C-alpha cells in the first residue's frame, strides 16, 4: 500500500515546501490518507481513550521539544541519527530517519519514521515539512 500511496504523500509535502505561505497549502496527508483508506488500511483504534489522549500529548511534547526546534538535516541528525536522503523536485531532498520512540505512557518502544522535505541548499526547513509515523 505504501508503494501505491507514497507518491501522493511526497507530492503533498513538496507542495508545502514550494508554497509561498505554507499555512495556505492544502493538507499534505489528505490524498495519502484517502488512498490508504481506499486500499483497505485503517488506523488502529485505541481501546482506552484516556491512554490514547495521554500518548498523543506525550508525542506532541516530543515533537515540540526535539523536532520542531531543529530546522536542518544536521540538527535533526544529532537527535535521530543518520538519515537516508534522496533528491526531489524543486531543489529539495527527502530525508527519512528511522528510530525507536520510547513511550513512558505506553511503557514500550515504537519503531518510528520521521520523513522531512528539506531544502537541498541546507537552508532551514519550512514549518510543516516533516511527518512522524509509527511503523
Protein backbone atom coordinates (compact mmCIF):
# COMPACT_ATOMS: atom_id res chain seq x y z
CA UNK A 1 0.00 0.00 0.00
CA UNK A 2 2.83 2.40 0.83
CA UNK A 3 4.28 1.90 -2.66
CA UNK A 4 0.92 2.80 -4.23
CA UNK A 5 0.07 5.74 -1.96
CA UNK A 6 3.52 7.04 -1.00
CA UNK A 7 3.90 9.27 -4.08
CA UNK A 8 0.72 11.14 -3.07
CA UNK A 9 2.23 11.96 0.31
CA UNK A 10 5.51 13.06 -1.31
CA UNK A 11 3.63 15.29 -3.79
CA UNK A 12 1.67 16.95 -0.97
CA UNK A 13 4.81 17.55 1.08
CA UNK A 14 6.55 19.08 -1.95
CA UNK A 15 3.56 21.40 -2.41
CA UNK A 16 4.05 22.68 1.13
CA UNK A 17 7.76 23.23 0.51
CA UNK A 18 7.07 25.15 -2.72
CA UNK A 19 4.21 27.26 -1.29
CA UNK A 20 4.95 30.91 -0.61
CA UNK A 21 2.85 30.63 2.54
CA UNK A 22 2.84 27.05 3.93
CA UNK A 23 -0.22 27.90 6.06
CA UNK A 24 -2.23 28.22 2.82
CA UNK A 25 -1.05 24.89 1.41
CA UNK A 26 -3.57 22.06 1.33
CA UNK A 27 -3.30 19.28 3.89
CA UNK A 28 -0.38 17.21 2.60
CA UNK A 29 -1.68 13.99 4.09
CA UNK A 30 -5.30 14.13 2.90
CA UNK A 31 -4.79 12.48 -0.53
CA UNK A 32 -2.39 9.93 1.02
CA UNK A 33 -4.84 9.06 3.82
CA UNK A 34 -7.67 8.71 1.28
CA UNK A 35 -5.55 6.40 -0.85
CA UNK A 36 -4.56 4.28 2.15
CA UNK A 37 -8.23 4.01 3.20
CA UNK A 38 -9.20 3.02 -0.33
CA UNK A 39 -6.51 0.30 -0.21
CA UNK A 40 -8.05 -1.06 2.99
CA UNK A 41 -5.75 0.43 5.64
CA UNK A 42 -7.44 1.67 8.80
CA UNK A 43 -5.79 3.44 11.74
CA UNK A 44 -5.61 1.39 14.92
CA UNK A 45 -8.39 2.29 17.32
CA UNK A 46 -7.22 2.58 20.88
CA UNK A 47 -9.42 0.73 23.38
CA UNK A 48 -8.57 3.21 26.14
CA UNK A 49 -9.35 6.83 25.10
CA UNK A 50 -7.66 8.28 28.19
CA UNK A 51 -4.40 6.47 27.42
CA UNK A 52 -4.68 7.49 23.77
CA UNK A 53 -5.03 11.13 24.82
CA UNK A 54 -2.03 10.91 27.17
CA UNK A 55 0.01 9.21 24.43
CA UNK A 56 -0.89 11.95 21.91
CA UNK A 57 0.18 14.60 24.43
CA UNK A 58 3.44 12.75 25.05
CA UNK A 59 4.19 12.52 21.31
CA UNK A 60 3.22 16.18 20.81
CA UNK A 61 5.67 17.11 23.58
CA UNK A 62 8.41 15.09 21.87
CA UNK A 63 7.72 16.88 18.59
CA UNK A 64 7.71 20.29 20.30
CA UNK A 65 10.95 19.64 22.21
CA UNK A 66 13.00 17.53 19.82
CA UNK A 67 11.78 18.03 16.24
CA UNK A 68 10.24 21.48 15.76
CA UNK A 69 13.26 23.47 17.03
CA UNK A 70 15.60 21.59 14.70
CA UNK A 71 15.34 23.17 11.27
CA UNK A 72 18.16 21.48 9.30
CA UNK A 73 19.18 17.93 8.42
CA UNK A 74 22.30 18.20 10.57
CA UNK A 75 20.31 19.38 13.61
CA UNK A 76 17.76 16.57 13.20
CA UNK A 77 20.53 14.00 12.73
CA UNK A 78 22.09 14.95 16.07
CA UNK A 79 18.89 13.77 17.79
CA UNK A 80 17.74 10.97 15.48
CA UNK A 81 20.92 9.58 13.93
CA UNK A 82 21.83 9.23 10.28
CA UNK A 83 19.17 9.96 7.66
CA UNK A 84 18.56 8.25 4.35
CA UNK A 85 18.09 11.06 1.79
CA UNK A 86 17.38 11.34 -1.91
CA UNK A 87 16.89 14.26 -4.28
CA UNK A 88 13.41 15.50 -5.03
CA UNK A 89 11.90 18.14 -7.29
CA UNK A 90 12.12 21.88 -6.77
CA UNK A 91 15.59 21.98 -5.17
CA UNK A 92 14.60 19.76 -2.29
CA UNK A 93 15.63 16.47 -0.77
CA UNK A 94 13.54 13.95 1.09
CA UNK A 95 15.18 12.57 4.22
CA UNK A 96 13.98 9.69 6.36
CA UNK A 97 15.10 8.88 9.89
CA UNK A 98 14.18 5.52 11.40
CA UNK A 99 14.34 5.34 15.18
CA UNK A 100 12.68 3.80 18.23
CA UNK A 101 10.41 6.17 20.11
CA UNK A 102 10.29 5.20 23.79
CA UNK A 103 6.89 5.96 25.28
CA UNK A 104 6.61 6.43 29.03
CA UNK A 105 2.80 6.33 28.77
CA UNK A 106 2.65 3.04 26.88
CA UNK A 107 5.73 1.59 28.57
CA UNK A 108 7.25 0.38 25.31
CA UNK A 109 9.26 1.38 22.27
CA UNK A 110 7.63 2.11 18.93
CA UNK A 111 9.60 1.83 15.69
CA UNK A 112 9.08 5.27 14.14
CA UNK A 113 9.87 7.09 10.93
CA UNK A 114 10.35 10.83 10.51
CA UNK A 115 10.15 12.00 6.90
CA UNK A 116 11.12 15.57 6.04
CA UNK A 117 11.32 17.52 2.83
CA UNK A 118 14.33 19.75 3.22
CA UNK A 119 15.83 22.46 1.02
CA UNK A 120 18.76 20.96 -0.90
CA UNK A 121 20.89 24.02 -0.10
CA UNK A 122 20.84 23.14 3.65
CA UNK A 123 18.70 26.19 4.46
CA UNK A 124 16.28 25.82 7.40
CA UNK A 125 13.20 23.77 6.58
CA UNK A 126 9.76 25.39 6.46
CA UNK A 127 7.08 24.64 9.02
CA UNK A 128 5.00 21.59 8.22
CA UNK A 129 7.75 19.90 6.20
CA UNK A 130 8.09 16.81 8.42
CA UNK A 131 5.77 13.89 9.14
CA UNK A 132 6.17 11.43 12.02
CA UNK A 133 4.73 7.94 11.56
CA UNK A 134 4.89 4.75 13.56
CA UNK A 135 5.82 1.63 11.61
